Every structure is written in structure tokens, then in C-alpha cells.
Amino acid sequence: MVEVPSLLWQIDEIAERADFLSVGSNDLMQYLYAVDRDNRRVADRFDPLSVGFLRALRAIVQAGARSATPKHAPTPVSAVVPASATTAGWSRPISHSG
């Protein structure tokens, strides 16, 4: 499960060894921006269409494509905001849980 930003620096190596890539989108976004999503003063920073988050998703998608590793995006990215996954380069249907 890709849910901490430090994994983005080794995503190619992970994708080569993994059976699939799953994105922990809530945690990835929260740790990427160091934002407490429950804090009303900074919750607006928790944006699944932000450039940084889309670049992170794109890196995961591209690593999966290079290694032919299936990708999985749990809720909310695939169910609540499908545009973020589409914009990041997910060209096939995304399975999701939740």
C-alpha cells in the first residue's frame, strides 16, 4: 500500500516486486501535505485535485505501467473524485474498496 510519500522515491523498485499497487489516498495526501484533515483551519489543503497529489498518483501509475503491475485506488480517490485518478493517468477502470 502506497500511503507515505517516502515510497514515491522507490516506487519503481516496489512496483517491480509487488503483485499490485494500492494507493492509500487519504494517508498519502495527509502525509504529503502534513495536514490534519480533521482540523478545520487547514482542511481545505486536503485537495485530491492538487498538483502535488496528482503528480504523486501519476508517479504510481507510471511505475505500475512500466512494470505491468495492476493498480488499485481505494476510496475516496476512485469513488468520490474519479477525476484525480483519470487526470493522473489511470486509463483503465480502477477497482476500489469502501
Protein backbone atom coordinates (compact mmCIF):
# COMPACT_ATOMS: atom_id res chain seq x y z
CA MET A 1 0.00 0.00 0.00
CA VAL A 2 1.47 3.32 -1.09
CA GLU A 3 0.41 5.67 1.67
CA VAL A 4 3.55 7.55 2.70
CA PRO A 5 5.39 9.98 0.41
CA SER A 6 8.81 8.39 1.02
CA LEU A 7 7.66 5.37 -1.00
CA LEU A 8 7.43 7.57 -4.10
CA TRP A 9 11.24 7.71 -4.20
CA GLN A 10 11.39 3.93 -4.55
CA ILE A 11 8.13 3.26 -6.37
CA ASP A 12 9.82 1.62 -9.38
CA GLU A 13 11.57 -0.94 -7.17
CA ILE A 14 8.37 -1.59 -5.25
CA ALA A 15 6.34 -1.99 -8.45
CA GLU A 16 8.84 -4.49 -9.85
CA ARG A 17 8.45 -6.74 -6.81
CA ALA A 18 4.78 -6.21 -5.92
CA ASP A 19 1.80 -8.18 -7.20
CA PHE A 20 -0.21 -4.93 -7.30
CA LEU A 21 0.00 -1.29 -6.20
CA SER A 22 -2.67 0.01 -3.87
CA VAL A 23 -2.91 3.71 -3.03
CA GLY A 24 -3.82 4.75 0.49
CA SER A 25 -5.09 8.07 -0.81
CA ASN A 26 -6.25 9.65 2.46
CA ASP A 27 -2.99 8.90 4.25
CA LEU A 28 -0.82 9.70 1.23
CA MET A 29 -2.42 13.11 0.87
CA GLN A 30 -2.34 13.83 4.60
CA TYR A 31 1.36 12.92 4.89
CA LEU A 32 2.29 14.57 1.59
CA TYR A 33 0.98 17.93 2.80
CA ALA A 34 1.47 17.38 6.56
CA VAL A 35 -2.16 18.38 7.01
CA ASP A 36 -4.56 17.23 9.68
CA ARG A 37 -7.67 16.58 7.63
CA ASP A 38 -9.85 16.96 10.73
CA ASN A 39 -8.53 20.44 11.53
CA ARG A 40 -10.95 22.97 10.02
CA ARG A 41 -8.23 25.63 9.76
CA VAL A 42 -6.19 23.57 7.26
CA ALA A 43 -8.68 21.04 5.92
CA ASP A 44 -9.08 22.95 2.67
CA ARG A 45 -5.50 21.94 1.83
CA PHE A 46 -6.76 18.34 1.63
CA ASP A 47 -7.48 18.52 -2.11
CA PRO A 48 -7.39 15.38 -4.31
CA LEU A 49 -7.04 17.57 -7.40
CA SER A 50 -3.96 19.45 -6.18
CA VAL A 51 -0.95 19.38 -8.47
CA GLY A 52 1.29 17.68 -5.92
CA PHE A 53 -1.15 14.90 -5.21
CA LEU A 54 -1.83 14.33 -8.92
CA ARG A 55 1.91 14.10 -9.55
CA ALA A 56 2.21 11.53 -6.78
CA LEU A 57 -0.61 9.48 -8.33
CA ARG A 58 0.96 9.83 -11.76
CA ALA A 59 4.28 8.51 -10.43
CA ILE A 60 2.49 5.45 -9.02
CA VAL A 61 0.54 4.91 -12.24
CA GLN A 62 3.65 5.21 -14.39
CA ALA A 63 5.65 2.84 -12.20
CA GLY A 64 2.84 0.32 -12.40
CA ALA A 65 2.70 0.68 -16.17
CA ARG A 66 6.47 0.25 -16.57
CA SER A 67 6.37 -2.98 -14.58
CA ALA A 68 2.90 -4.12 -15.75
CA THR A 69 1.76 -4.11 -12.12
CA PRO A 70 -2.01 -3.74 -11.56
CA LYS A 71 -3.08 -0.60 -9.69
CA HIS A 72 -5.79 -0.25 -7.05
CA ALA A 73 -7.12 3.00 -5.60
CA PRO A 74 -9.33 2.72 -2.54
CA THR A 75 -11.97 5.30 -1.74
CA PRO A 76 -12.01 8.33 -1.88
CA VAL A 77 -9.90 8.89 -5.00
CA SER A 78 -11.54 6.32 -7.25
CA ALA A 79 -15.11 6.61 -5.95
CA VAL A 80 -15.53 10.15 -4.69
CA VAL A 81 -13.23 12.06 -7.04
CA PRO A 82 -12.60 9.93 -10.13
CA ALA A 83 -11.15 12.94 -11.93
CA SER A 84 -7.98 12.80 -9.83
CA ALA A 85 -7.24 9.24 -10.88
CA THR A 86 -8.14 9.96 -14.50
CA THR A 87 -6.05 13.12 -14.54
CA ALA A 88 -3.12 11.23 -13.05
CA GLY A 89 -3.16 8.84 -15.96
CA TRP A 90 -5.27 5.90 -14.92
CA SER A 91 -6.52 4.73 -18.30
CA ARG A 92 -8.15 1.51 -17.16
CA PRO A 93 -11.03 1.11 -14.73
CA ILE A 94 -9.90 1.46 -11.13
CA SER A 95 -11.04 -1.08 -8.62
CA HIS A 96 -11.88 0.38 -5.26
CA SER A 97 -12.85 -0.76 -1.81
CA GLY A 98 -15.02 1.06 0.63
